[in-house]
Protein backbone atom coordinates (compact mmCIF):
# COMPACT_ATOMS: atom_id res chain seq x y z
CA MET A 1 -1.06 -41.19 -49.90
CA SER A 2 0.81 -38.75 -47.63
CA SER A 3 4.37 -37.61 -48.38
CA PHE A 4 5.71 -39.69 -45.50
CA ASN A 5 4.00 -42.87 -46.72
CA ALA A 6 5.35 -42.28 -50.22
CA LYS A 7 8.87 -41.98 -48.86
CA TYR A 8 8.38 -45.16 -46.84
CA PHE A 9 7.18 -47.12 -49.88
CA PHE A 10 10.04 -45.81 -52.05
CA VAL A 11 12.72 -46.77 -49.52
CA PHE A 12 11.13 -50.17 -49.02
CA VAL A 13 11.24 -50.88 -52.78
CA ILE A 14 14.91 -49.89 -52.99
CA PHE A 15 15.72 -52.02 -49.98
CA ILE A 16 14.08 -55.13 -51.53
CA ALA A 17 15.78 -54.44 -54.88
CA VAL A 18 19.23 -54.24 -53.30
CA ILE A 19 18.73 -57.54 -51.45
CA ALA A 20 17.41 -59.24 -54.59
CA LEU A 21 20.32 -58.04 -56.73
CA SER A 22 22.81 -59.13 -54.07
CA ALA A 23 21.31 -62.63 -53.95
CA LEU A 24 21.25 -62.89 -57.75
CA PHE A 25 24.85 -61.69 -57.96
CA ALA A 26 25.97 -64.24 -55.39
CA GLN A 27 24.17 -67.06 -57.17
CA LEU A 28 25.55 -66.31 -60.63
CA TYR A 29 29.15 -65.62 -59.75
CA SER A 30 29.74 -67.56 -56.56
CA GLU A 31 31.85 -70.16 -58.33
CA GLN A 32 33.78 -67.77 -60.59
CA LEU A 33 34.87 -65.03 -58.15
CA PRO A 34 37.52 -65.40 -55.52
CA ILE A 35 36.48 -65.57 -51.87
CA GLY A 36 38.10 -62.19 -51.08
CA LEU A 37 36.21 -60.39 -53.79
CA MET A 38 32.98 -62.02 -52.65
CA ALA A 39 33.61 -60.78 -49.14
CA MET A 40 34.19 -57.26 -50.45
CA VAL A 41 30.98 -57.32 -52.46
CA SER A 42 29.03 -58.55 -49.40
CA TYR A 43 30.58 -55.75 -47.31
CA LEU A 44 29.57 -53.07 -49.84
CA VAL A 45 26.06 -54.44 -49.99
CA ALA A 46 25.78 -54.33 -46.17
CA ILE A 47 27.09 -50.75 -46.06
CA SER A 48 24.57 -49.67 -48.68
CA ILE A 49 21.72 -51.24 -46.74
CA ALA A 50 22.90 -49.49 -43.49
CA ILE A 51 23.09 -46.08 -45.22
CA ILE A 52 19.58 -46.50 -46.63
CA LEU A 53 18.21 -47.51 -43.23
CA ALA A 54 19.95 -44.61 -41.45
CA TRP A 55 18.55 -42.13 -43.93
CA PHE A 56 15.10 -43.62 -43.50
CA LEU A 57 15.20 -43.42 -39.69
CA THR A 58 16.49 -39.83 -39.76
CA GLN A 59 13.67 -38.74 -42.00
CA LYS A 60 11.17 -40.47 -39.73
CA ILE A 61 12.49 -38.77 -36.55
CA PHE A 62 12.49 -35.27 -38.03
CA SER A 63 9.11 -35.71 -39.65
CA GLU A 64 7.55 -36.59 -36.26
CA THR A 65 9.18 -33.69 -34.30
CA PRO A 66 6.88 -30.58 -34.22
CA THR A 67 8.48 -27.26 -35.04
CA HIS A 68 7.28 -23.68 -35.35
CA SER A 69 10.18 -22.28 -37.35
CA GLY A 70 10.28 -21.42 -41.01
CA ASN A 71 7.12 -22.24 -42.88
CA GLU A 72 5.90 -24.77 -40.29
CA THR A 73 2.50 -23.92 -38.71
CA ILE A 74 1.24 -24.61 -35.20
CA SER A 75 -2.10 -26.15 -34.39
CA VAL A 76 -5.22 -24.16 -33.58
CA GLU A 77 -5.14 -25.52 -30.04
CA GLU A 78 -1.56 -24.31 -29.50
CA LEU A 79 -2.37 -20.89 -30.98
CA PHE A 80 -5.32 -20.52 -28.59
CA ILE A 81 -3.09 -21.31 -25.60
CA TYR A 82 -0.54 -18.69 -26.67
CA THR A 83 -3.08 -15.89 -27.24
CA HIS A 84 -5.73 -16.44 -24.55
CA ASP A 85 -5.90 -16.04 -20.78
CA PRO A 86 -6.24 -19.46 -19.09
CA VAL A 87 -8.63 -18.17 -16.39
CA THR A 88 -11.24 -16.31 -18.46
CA ASN A 89 -10.55 -17.79 -21.95
CA LEU A 90 -10.39 -14.20 -23.20
CA PRO A 91 -7.59 -12.89 -25.44
CA THR A 92 -4.52 -11.68 -23.57
CA ALA A 93 -3.23 -8.12 -23.41
CA GLN A 94 -0.56 -8.93 -26.02
CA GLN A 95 -3.18 -10.26 -28.42
CA ALA A 96 -5.39 -7.20 -27.83
CA LEU A 97 -2.51 -4.79 -28.43
CA LYS A 98 -1.59 -6.59 -31.64
CA THR A 99 -5.18 -6.45 -32.91
CA PHE A 100 -5.68 -2.83 -31.89
CA GLU A 101 -2.41 -1.75 -33.51
CA SER A 102 -3.26 -3.62 -36.71
CA ALA A 103 -6.66 -1.88 -36.87
CA ILE A 104 -5.10 1.57 -36.48
CA LYS A 105 -2.38 0.91 -39.05
CA SER A 106 -4.89 -0.39 -41.62
CA ASP A 107 -6.46 3.05 -41.82
CA LYS A 108 -4.77 5.94 -40.03
CA GLY A 109 -7.92 8.03 -40.26
CA ASN A 110 -9.87 5.70 -37.98
CA ARG A 111 -10.77 6.75 -34.44
CA TYR A 112 -11.19 4.34 -31.55
CA GLY A 113 -12.37 4.57 -27.97
CA ALA A 114 -10.45 2.32 -25.58
CA VAL A 115 -12.49 1.34 -22.51
CA VAL A 116 -10.60 -0.23 -19.60
CA PHE A 117 -12.85 -1.55 -16.83
CA LYS A 118 -12.74 -3.74 -13.73
CA PRO A 119 -15.04 -5.14 -11.04
CA ILE A 120 -14.43 -2.77 -8.14
CA ASN A 121 -15.51 -5.13 -5.34
CA PHE A 122 -13.75 -8.33 -6.39
CA GLN A 123 -10.82 -8.26 -3.95
CA GLN A 124 -12.95 -9.55 -1.10
CA VAL A 125 -13.73 -12.67 -3.18
CA ASN A 126 -10.05 -13.64 -3.22
CA SER A 127 -9.76 -13.27 0.53
CA LEU A 128 -12.97 -15.19 1.28
CA LEU A 129 -12.90 -17.97 -1.32
CA GLY A 130 -9.27 -18.19 -2.39
CA TYR A 131 -7.85 -17.60 -5.85
CA HIS A 132 -8.98 -20.92 -7.34
CA ASN A 133 -12.66 -20.40 -6.53
CA SER A 134 -12.56 -16.69 -7.38
CA ASP A 135 -11.20 -17.62 -10.81
CA LEU A 136 -14.43 -19.55 -11.44
CA LEU A 137 -16.47 -16.45 -10.62
CA LEU A 138 -14.23 -14.36 -12.86
CA LEU A 139 -14.81 -16.85 -15.70
CA GLN A 140 -18.56 -16.53 -15.17
CA LEU A 141 -18.33 -12.74 -15.26
CA ALA A 142 -16.23 -12.74 -18.45
CA TYR A 143 -18.69 -15.10 -20.15
CA CYS A 144 -21.70 -12.90 -19.33
CA LEU A 145 -20.00 -9.75 -20.57
CA GLN A 146 -18.81 -11.40 -23.78
CA GLN A 147 -22.25 -12.80 -24.55
CA ARG A 148 -23.84 -9.37 -24.19
CA ILE A 149 -21.61 -7.50 -26.66
CA ALA A 150 -20.55 -10.28 -29.05
CA ILE A 151 -22.90 -9.06 -31.80
CA ASN A 152 -21.70 -5.43 -31.63
CA LYS A 153 -19.68 -5.12 -34.86
CA LYS A 154 -18.36 -1.69 -33.85
CA LEU A 155 -16.19 -3.38 -31.25
CA LEU A 156 -12.85 -4.84 -32.30
CA ASN A 157 -12.66 -8.62 -32.51
CA PHE A 158 -9.65 -9.83 -30.50
CA GLY A 159 -10.29 -13.54 -31.09
CA ILE A 160 -8.82 -16.02 -33.58
CA SER A 161 -11.88 -18.26 -33.95
CA PRO A 162 -14.83 -17.68 -36.30
CA GLU A 163 -16.92 -16.53 -33.31
CA PRO A 164 -16.03 -12.89 -32.45
CA VAL A 165 -14.51 -12.10 -29.06
CA ARG A 166 -14.96 -8.43 -28.16
CA ILE A 167 -13.28 -8.39 -24.71
CA ALA A 168 -9.62 -8.90 -23.77
CA ARG A 169 -8.10 -9.33 -20.34
CA LEU A 170 -5.36 -6.93 -19.30
CA GLN A 171 -3.26 -7.14 -16.14
CA SER A 172 -4.83 -8.05 -12.82
CA LEU A 173 -8.63 -7.58 -12.89
CA GLN A 174 -8.70 -5.08 -15.75
CA PHE A 175 -10.46 -5.78 -19.06
CA LEU A 176 -10.48 -3.97 -22.40
CA VAL A 177 -12.97 -3.27 -25.19
CA VAL A 178 -12.22 -1.00 -28.15
CA TYR A 179 -15.03 0.81 -30.00
CA ASP A 180 -14.68 2.05 -33.59
CA LEU A 181 -15.84 5.69 -33.58
CA THR A 182 -14.85 6.44 -37.19
CA GLN A 183 -18.27 6.35 -38.88
CA SER A 184 -20.28 7.42 -35.86
CA ARG A 185 -22.74 10.27 -36.32
CA TYR A 186 -23.32 10.71 -32.60
CA ASP A 187 -21.35 12.28 -29.78
CA ASP A 188 -18.40 10.11 -28.68
CA LYS A 189 -19.25 10.46 -25.01
CA ALA A 190 -22.88 9.43 -25.53
CA ILE A 191 -21.85 6.31 -27.45
CA LEU A 192 -19.19 5.22 -24.99
CA ASP A 193 -21.42 5.95 -22.00
CA GLU A 194 -24.08 3.70 -23.54
CA LEU A 195 -21.48 0.96 -24.09
CA CYS A 196 -20.43 1.15 -20.44
CA GLN A 197 -24.07 0.96 -19.41
CA GLN A 198 -24.54 -2.19 -21.52
CA LEU A 199 -21.51 -3.80 -19.91
CA GLY A 200 -22.76 -2.85 -16.47
CA GLU A 201 -26.19 -4.33 -17.21
CA ALA A 202 -24.58 -7.55 -18.48
CA VAL A 203 -23.34 -8.35 -14.98
CA PRO A 204 -25.74 -10.85 -13.34
CA ASN A 205 -27.75 -9.58 -10.42
CA ALA A 206 -26.07 -12.01 -8.06
CA MET A 207 -23.09 -14.12 -9.05
CA SER A 208 -22.78 -17.14 -6.80
CA PHE A 209 -20.41 -19.94 -5.95
CA LYS A 210 -21.43 -22.60 -3.45
CA SER A 211 -22.87 -20.61 -0.52
CA PHE A 212 -21.24 -17.30 -1.48
CA SER A 213 -22.90 -14.68 -3.68
CA LEU A 214 -21.88 -11.19 -4.71
CA ASN A 215 -23.26 -8.35 -6.81
CA PHE A 216 -20.41 -7.04 -8.93
CA GLU A 217 -20.09 -3.40 -9.95
CA LEU A 218 -17.94 -2.22 -12.84
CA ALA A 219 -15.93 0.99 -13.10
CA PHE A 220 -14.71 2.34 -16.44
CA GLY A 221 -11.84 4.46 -17.73
CA ILE A 222 -11.93 5.79 -21.30
CA ALA A 223 -9.35 7.27 -23.68
CA ILE A 224 -9.75 8.07 -27.39
CA SER A 225 -7.06 7.49 -30.01
CA ASP A 226 -5.34 10.61 -31.44
CA GLU A 227 -7.00 12.79 -28.77
CA ASN A 228 -5.46 10.99 -25.78
CA GLY A 229 -2.36 9.35 -27.23
CA ASP A 230 -0.27 8.69 -30.31
CA SER A 231 0.24 4.95 -29.84
CA VAL A 232 -1.89 1.98 -28.85
CA GLU A 233 0.08 1.49 -25.63
CA GLU A 234 -0.38 5.15 -24.70
CA VAL A 235 -4.14 5.15 -25.35
CA ILE A 236 -4.70 2.02 -23.25
CA SER A 237 -2.42 3.33 -20.51
CA HIS A 238 -4.35 6.61 -20.38
CA ALA A 239 -7.64 4.71 -20.20
CA GLY A 240 -6.19 2.82 -17.22
CA ASP A 241 -5.16 6.12 -15.61
CA ALA A 242 -8.69 7.45 -16.10
CA LEU A 243 -10.05 4.32 -14.40
CA LEU A 244 -7.77 4.82 -11.36
CA ASN A 245 -8.65 8.51 -11.10
CA GLY A 246 -12.34 7.63 -11.33
CA LEU A 247 -12.01 5.12 -8.50
CA LYS A 248 -10.38 7.78 -6.33
CA SER A 249 -13.19 10.24 -6.99
CA GLN A 250 -15.84 7.46 -6.81
CA GLN A 251 -16.95 7.94 -10.44
CA ILE A 252 -18.27 4.93 -12.36
CA ILE A 253 -17.22 6.33 -15.77
CA SER A 254 -14.14 8.52 -16.07
CA TYR A 255 -12.59 10.03 -19.22
CA PHE A 256 -8.89 10.76 -19.54
CA ASP A 257 -8.10 14.46 -19.22
CA ASN A 258 -5.18 15.69 -21.32
CA SER A 259 -4.58 18.49 -18.83
CA SER A 260 -3.42 15.85 -16.36
CA ILE A 261 -0.39 15.26 -18.61
CA LEU A 262 0.53 18.92 -18.37
CA TYR A 263 -0.13 18.79 -14.64
CA THR A 264 2.20 15.82 -14.33
CA GLN A 265 4.89 17.62 -16.29
CA SER A 266 4.42 20.67 -14.09
CA GLN A 267 4.64 18.47 -11.00
CA LEU A 268 7.85 16.88 -12.26
CA ALA A 269 9.33 20.35 -12.81
CA ARG A 270 8.31 21.41 -9.28
CA MET A 271 9.75 18.22 -7.81
CA GLU A 272 13.05 18.77 -9.57
CA SER A 273 13.16 22.41 -8.45
CA PHE A 274 12.41 21.41 -4.86
CA ARG A 275 14.98 18.61 -4.94
CA GLN A 276 17.64 21.02 -6.17
CA ASP A 277 16.78 23.60 -3.48
CA ILE A 278 17.04 20.91 -0.80
CA GLN A 279 20.46 19.85 -2.06
CA ASP A 280 21.60 23.48 -2.20
CA LYS A 281 20.04 24.13 1.25
CA LYS A 282 18.01 27.05 -0.06
CA LEU A 283 14.98 26.50 2.18
CA HIS A 284 14.64 29.09 4.94
CA CYS A 285 14.22 28.10 8.59
CA TYR A 286 12.79 30.45 11.20
CA LEU A 287 11.69 30.27 14.82
CA GLU A 288 8.28 31.19 16.22
CA PRO A 289 8.49 32.09 19.95
CA GLN A 290 5.94 30.54 22.32
CA VAL A 291 5.11 32.95 25.17
CA ASN A 292 3.10 32.91 28.36
CA ILE A 293 1.08 36.07 27.86
CA ASN A 294 0.55 36.56 31.63
CA ASN A 295 4.23 37.09 32.46
CA TYR A 296 5.85 37.24 28.99
CA ASN A 297 8.04 34.26 29.80
CA ILE A 298 9.32 32.41 26.75
CA VAL A 299 8.33 28.74 27.05
CA GLY A 300 9.81 27.48 23.82
CA PHE A 301 10.24 27.92 20.07
CA GLN A 302 8.81 26.14 17.06
CA LEU A 303 11.18 25.65 14.13
CA LYS A 304 9.39 26.26 10.85
CA VAL A 305 10.55 26.23 7.24
CA HIS A 306 9.69 28.32 4.19
CA TRP A 307 10.18 27.43 0.53
CA TYR A 308 10.22 30.14 -2.12
CA GLU A 309 9.18 28.31 -5.30
CA SER A 310 10.34 31.29 -7.36
CA SER A 311 12.05 34.57 -6.62
CA ASN A 312 8.81 36.59 -6.70
CA ALA A 313 6.49 33.96 -5.16
CA LYS A 314 5.02 34.01 -1.68
CA PRO A 315 6.71 31.71 0.82
CA LEU A 316 5.15 28.28 1.27
CA GLU A 317 5.04 26.59 4.67
CA LEU A 318 5.79 22.92 5.29
CA SER A 319 2.11 21.97 5.20
CA ASP A 320 1.87 23.53 1.72
CA PHE A 321 4.70 21.52 0.15
CA SER A 322 5.07 18.42 2.35
CA LYS A 323 3.25 16.26 -0.23
CA LEU A 324 5.56 17.52 -2.97
CA ALA A 325 8.56 16.87 -0.75
CA GLU A 326 7.33 13.33 -0.12
CA GLN A 327 6.79 12.65 -3.83
CA SER A 328 10.27 13.90 -4.66
CA GLY A 329 11.79 11.71 -1.95
CA GLU A 330 13.28 14.67 -0.09
CA LEU A 331 10.93 15.02 2.89
CA TYR A 332 13.10 12.93 5.19
CA GLY A 333 16.22 14.83 4.08
CA LEU A 334 14.44 18.10 4.83
CA THR A 335 13.49 16.85 8.29
CA LYS A 336 17.11 16.00 8.99
CA GLN A 337 18.11 19.53 7.95
CA MET A 338 15.48 20.96 10.30
CA LEU A 339 16.73 18.78 13.17
CA ASP A 340 20.29 19.91 12.45
CA GLN A 341 19.13 23.53 12.59
CA ALA A 342 17.27 22.87 15.84
CA PHE A 343 20.37 21.49 17.56
CA THR A 344 22.53 24.32 16.24
CA THR A 345 20.04 26.84 17.67
CA LEU A 346 19.83 24.97 20.99
CA GLU A 347 23.60 25.19 21.24
CA ILE A 348 23.40 29.00 20.79
CA LEU A 349 20.61 29.30 23.37
CA HIS A 350 22.48 27.22 25.94
CA ARG A 351 25.59 29.29 25.42
CA ILE A 352 23.70 32.44 26.49
CA GLY A 353 21.90 30.69 29.34
CA VAL A 354 18.47 30.24 27.73
CA TYR A 355 17.24 26.69 28.28
CA GLN A 356 14.00 26.36 26.33
CA ARG A 357 12.62 23.65 24.08
CA ILE A 358 12.61 23.76 20.27
CA SER A 359 9.90 21.76 18.52
CA VAL A 360 10.28 20.23 15.05
CA SER A 361 7.25 19.06 13.06
CA LEU A 362 6.96 15.58 11.57
CA ALA A 363 4.12 16.32 9.19
CA ASN A 364 3.84 12.87 7.64
CA GLU A 365 3.91 9.27 8.83
CA SER A 366 6.51 8.46 6.16
CA LEU A 367 9.01 10.55 8.14
CA PHE A 368 9.22 7.82 10.72
CA GLU A 369 12.17 6.12 9.08
CA VAL A 370 13.99 3.29 10.80
CA ASP A 371 17.08 5.37 11.50
CA LEU A 372 15.21 8.48 12.77
CA VAL A 373 15.82 7.66 16.42
CA ASP A 374 19.47 6.80 15.76
CA PHE A 375 19.94 10.10 13.91
CA ILE A 376 18.45 12.14 16.78
CA GLU A 377 20.43 10.23 19.40
CA GLN A 378 23.62 10.88 17.44
CA LYS A 379 22.85 14.61 17.34
CA LEU A 380 22.14 14.68 21.07
CA GLN A 381 25.60 13.23 21.71
CA GLN A 382 27.28 15.41 19.09
CA TYR A 383 25.96 18.67 20.59
CA GLY A 384 25.94 17.48 24.20
CA ILE A 385 22.30 18.49 24.64
CA ALA A 386 19.74 16.67 26.80
CA GLY A 387 16.74 15.17 25.00
CA LYS A 388 14.24 17.17 27.08
CA TYR A 389 15.12 20.31 25.11
CA LEU A 390 13.89 18.80 21.83
CA MET A 391 10.17 18.42 21.10
CA ILE A 392 8.75 16.38 18.21
CA GLU A 393 5.45 17.76 16.99
CA LEU A 394 2.86 15.51 15.33
CA ASN A 395 -0.28 16.56 13.53
CA GLU A 396 -3.36 15.02 15.14
CA GLN A 397 -4.28 13.18 11.93
CA VAL A 398 -0.81 11.66 11.67
CA MET A 399 -0.99 10.65 15.30
CA LEU A 400 -4.41 8.99 14.98
CA SER A 401 -3.43 7.04 11.86
CA ALA A 402 -0.08 5.98 13.31
CA SER A 403 0.86 2.36 12.82
CA HIS A 404 2.40 0.13 15.46
CA ARG A 405 5.81 0.90 13.97
CA VAL A 406 5.23 4.64 14.40
CA LYS A 407 4.05 4.18 17.98
CA SER A 408 7.14 2.10 18.67
CA ILE A 409 9.37 4.91 17.36
CA ILE A 410 7.49 7.43 19.52
CA ASP A 411 8.22 5.25 22.55
CA GLN A 412 11.91 5.18 21.60
CA LEU A 413 11.96 8.97 21.33
CA LYS A 414 10.37 9.28 24.75
CA SER A 415 13.02 6.93 26.16
CA LEU A 416 15.55 9.62 25.14
CA GLU A 417 13.47 12.13 27.19
CA ILE A 418 12.32 13.84 24.00
CA ASN A 419 8.98 15.63 24.40
CA ILE A 420 5.95 14.89 22.20
CA SER A 421 3.47 17.55 21.09
CA ILE A 422 0.21 17.22 19.14
CA SER A 423 -0.82 20.07 16.85
CA ASN A 424 -4.31 20.94 15.56
CA PHE A 425 -5.80 19.19 18.57
CA SER A 426 -9.57 18.76 18.19
CA GLY A 427 -10.50 17.13 21.49
CA SER A 428 -12.26 14.25 19.71
CA TYR A 429 -12.86 10.99 21.51
CA GLU A 430 -10.10 9.19 19.57
CA SER A 431 -7.55 11.92 20.22
CA LEU A 432 -8.44 12.09 23.92
CA ARG A 433 -8.11 8.32 24.19
CA TYR A 434 -4.65 8.57 22.64
CA VAL A 435 -3.63 11.40 25.00
CA ARG A 436 -4.74 9.35 28.00
CA LYS A 437 -2.88 6.30 26.73
CA VAL A 438 0.36 8.05 25.82
CA ALA A 439 1.99 10.70 28.00
CA ILE A 440 1.84 13.83 25.81
CA HIS A 441 3.83 16.87 26.92
CA GLN A 442 2.00 19.57 24.97
CA LEU A 443 -1.16 20.18 22.93
CA LYS A 444 -1.82 22.86 20.32
CA VAL A 445 -5.08 24.32 19.09
CA ASN A 446 -5.43 26.39 15.92
CA CYS A 447 -6.87 29.80 16.79
CA GLN A 448 -6.65 31.35 13.33
CA GLN A 449 -10.43 31.78 13.02
CA LEU A 450 -10.90 32.88 16.62
CA SER A 451 -12.39 36.34 17.14
CA ASN A 452 -13.72 38.44 20.01
CA ASP A 453 -17.12 39.15 18.47
CA SER A 454 -20.25 37.02 18.12
CA SER A 455 -19.06 35.29 14.94
CA ASN A 456 -17.54 31.79 14.86
CA ARG A 457 -19.42 30.68 17.94
CA VAL A 458 -18.62 27.03 17.22
CA ASP A 459 -14.84 27.67 17.10
CA LYS A 460 -15.04 29.69 20.29
CA ALA A 461 -17.00 26.97 22.08
CA ILE A 462 -14.54 24.26 21.02
CA THR A 463 -11.48 26.30 21.99
CA ASN A 464 -13.06 27.26 25.31
CA ALA A 465 -13.78 23.58 26.05
CA LEU A 466 -10.20 22.59 25.17
CA VAL A 467 -8.74 25.27 27.44
CA THR A 468 -10.82 23.94 30.35
CA LEU A 469 -10.10 20.32 29.49
CA THR A 470 -6.33 20.65 29.20
CA ARG A 471 -6.16 22.68 32.42
CA SER A 472 -7.89 19.82 34.27
CA MET A 473 -5.57 17.31 32.59
CA LYS A 474 -2.56 19.50 33.51
CA ILE A 475 -1.26 19.47 29.93
CA PRO A 476 0.08 22.76 28.51
CA LEU A 477 -2.11 24.10 25.67
CA ILE A 478 -0.66 26.54 23.13
CA GLY A 479 -2.91 28.63 20.94
CA THR A 480 -1.31 28.82 17.47
CA ASN A 481 -1.79 31.16 14.51
CA ILE A 482 -2.83 34.02 16.81
CA ASP A 483 -2.07 36.81 14.37
CA ARG A 484 -4.62 39.47 15.40
CA HIS A 485 -5.38 41.31 18.63
CA ASP A 486 -9.03 40.23 18.68
CA SER A 487 -7.89 36.58 18.47
CA SER A 488 -5.48 37.03 21.38
CA GLN A 489 -8.14 38.84 23.44
CA ALA A 490 -10.67 36.07 22.83
CA TYR A 491 -8.13 33.40 23.71
CA ILE A 492 -7.07 35.17 26.91
CA ALA A 493 -10.73 35.69 27.90
CA MET A 494 -11.21 31.92 27.78
CA GLY A 495 -8.32 31.42 30.17
CA GLY A 496 -5.66 30.68 27.56
CA GLU A 497 -2.11 31.56 28.59
CA LEU A 498 0.39 30.14 26.08
CA MET A 499 0.34 31.43 22.52
CA GLN A 500 2.37 31.80 19.34
CA GLY A 501 1.78 33.68 16.11
CA ASP A 502 2.32 37.05 14.50
CA ILE A 503 0.98 38.74 17.65
CA ILE A 504 4.25 37.65 19.30
CA HIS A 505 6.57 37.46 16.27
CA SER A 506 6.13 36.23 12.69
CA GLY A 507 9.44 34.36 12.84
CA VAL A 508 13.05 34.88 13.88
CA VAL A 509 15.95 33.82 11.69
CA PRO A 510 18.02 31.32 13.74
CA GLU A 511 21.20 33.32 13.18
CA GLU A 512 19.52 36.36 14.80
CA ILE A 513 17.91 34.59 17.75
CA GLU A 514 20.42 36.07 20.24
CA ILE A 515 19.73 39.62 19.02
CA TRP A 516 15.97 39.10 19.21
CA LEU A 517 16.21 37.72 22.77
CA GLU A 518 18.18 40.77 23.91
CA LYS A 519 15.45 43.05 22.56
CA TRP A 520 12.69 40.93 24.12
CA TYR A 521 14.34 40.90 27.52
CA LEU A 522 14.91 44.65 27.35
CA GLN A 523 11.18 45.14 26.77
CA HIS A 524 10.20 42.53 29.38
CA PRO A 525 13.00 42.35 31.95
CA GLU A 526 10.81 40.41 34.37
CA SER A 527 10.88 37.46 31.91
CA ILE A 528 14.68 37.08 31.95
CA PRO A 529 15.61 33.65 33.38
CA PRO A 530 18.21 33.86 36.19
CA GLU A 531 20.79 31.80 34.28
CA ALA A 532 20.58 34.19 31.33
CA ARG A 533 21.10 37.45 33.28
CA PRO A 534 24.92 37.50 33.04
CA SER A 535 24.70 37.15 29.25
CA ILE A 536 22.03 39.81 28.85
CA TYR A 537 23.56 42.44 31.05
């Protein structure tokens, strides 16, 4: 008999006994006791019965209410729900972490290889079949993988049932297996590579659902305890990082590299140094003149920026540190500083009667912030300068990958009469199509490898074709990075006229632009614009 049934029987006996005694008492003394006393006795008997019944009902209610506190246990079914993923029926990440941590703590000398893997071509299933149907395929995949490695006793068992479960599901489409390397006599990499191969072979040749079929491929990231982390969370996280890095480099199996931690720390230090230099305005701006070599007329300036990472380091150009600037969140702030410097310089040039354009590079699509146009328009009004004297320069790759939002911003800039230039122009079909579609004011071709001898015939042929093409399209073409005389001679021989580079000047500090112009005009008086003559002489 259960404890509850025993309680029920005991209470029932007491209840019958109380009623029997009350009846007997009433029968024996009904004629001897006063009516008031009889009423009192009846009242006490009724109260006693009510108390007994209330206690009985309370015990019944609490005994039927499930609880998981104290020493109470939950059912196997409830425990399975709490510890397993509802889609794949595999243990959850929390259950896997708990099991992995328990294994490491049981013997601190043990070594484990954590393998995080995922099907790399599963995203298209969600888009084609929907999440509900793709979950069925994922369940099929998990079952096949589990069946293949269930008998491998070197893999940790994440399950709670007598049948071992060697795979756990992590976040998203990632899965985890953990291999015990402690007693292994073979090379860790050879063992783990073989495990990955077994998992890859366990995937069916063609998984199907209704009329849709797909061959899955798995990619793996691996980290080893102690070598690649001090905690379970760190080891699994590093295995996940190795998986992501492998996907980027198109490697099926990728091992975590501890040097990447040092690289990350170094990157963080560089980012902080760059951020501080931006805030302190320690980056150096300079101007590269753009000159028509036929008459030495100045046709514009390009504003460039240098960053000295350390006091004895070589200066880095924007293309060298733009990615770092973007990662540190300071690239847009740097661009604003460059635009500020451009308008300050334009104000100086206009004061001395030199009305030439200054171009500022937007080296990354992320620079096209929502308020970019508003910021430039505000500066135009602040300095009282027409938009035609500012040129925004885009790298060809940025231009070709531009989104609709970027193209919309370019249209807004052009509505302010701001000129658009494309650097590193290749003359490809896509770039030509863009040039025909959008009115571009200037093109630039990199002439760094150009020479006047028989070498680099391909570069010479491309540059020669671009010079002819842009002349027919009536778009100014500027040869950039012309730093040597043989480069300038080769460019001029092709019919090139506009150039910039060390052959003209390596870069003028904005504060000294007026002094440099005076020297230039003294050497080439025929290039002095009429409006600048009173200031020069």
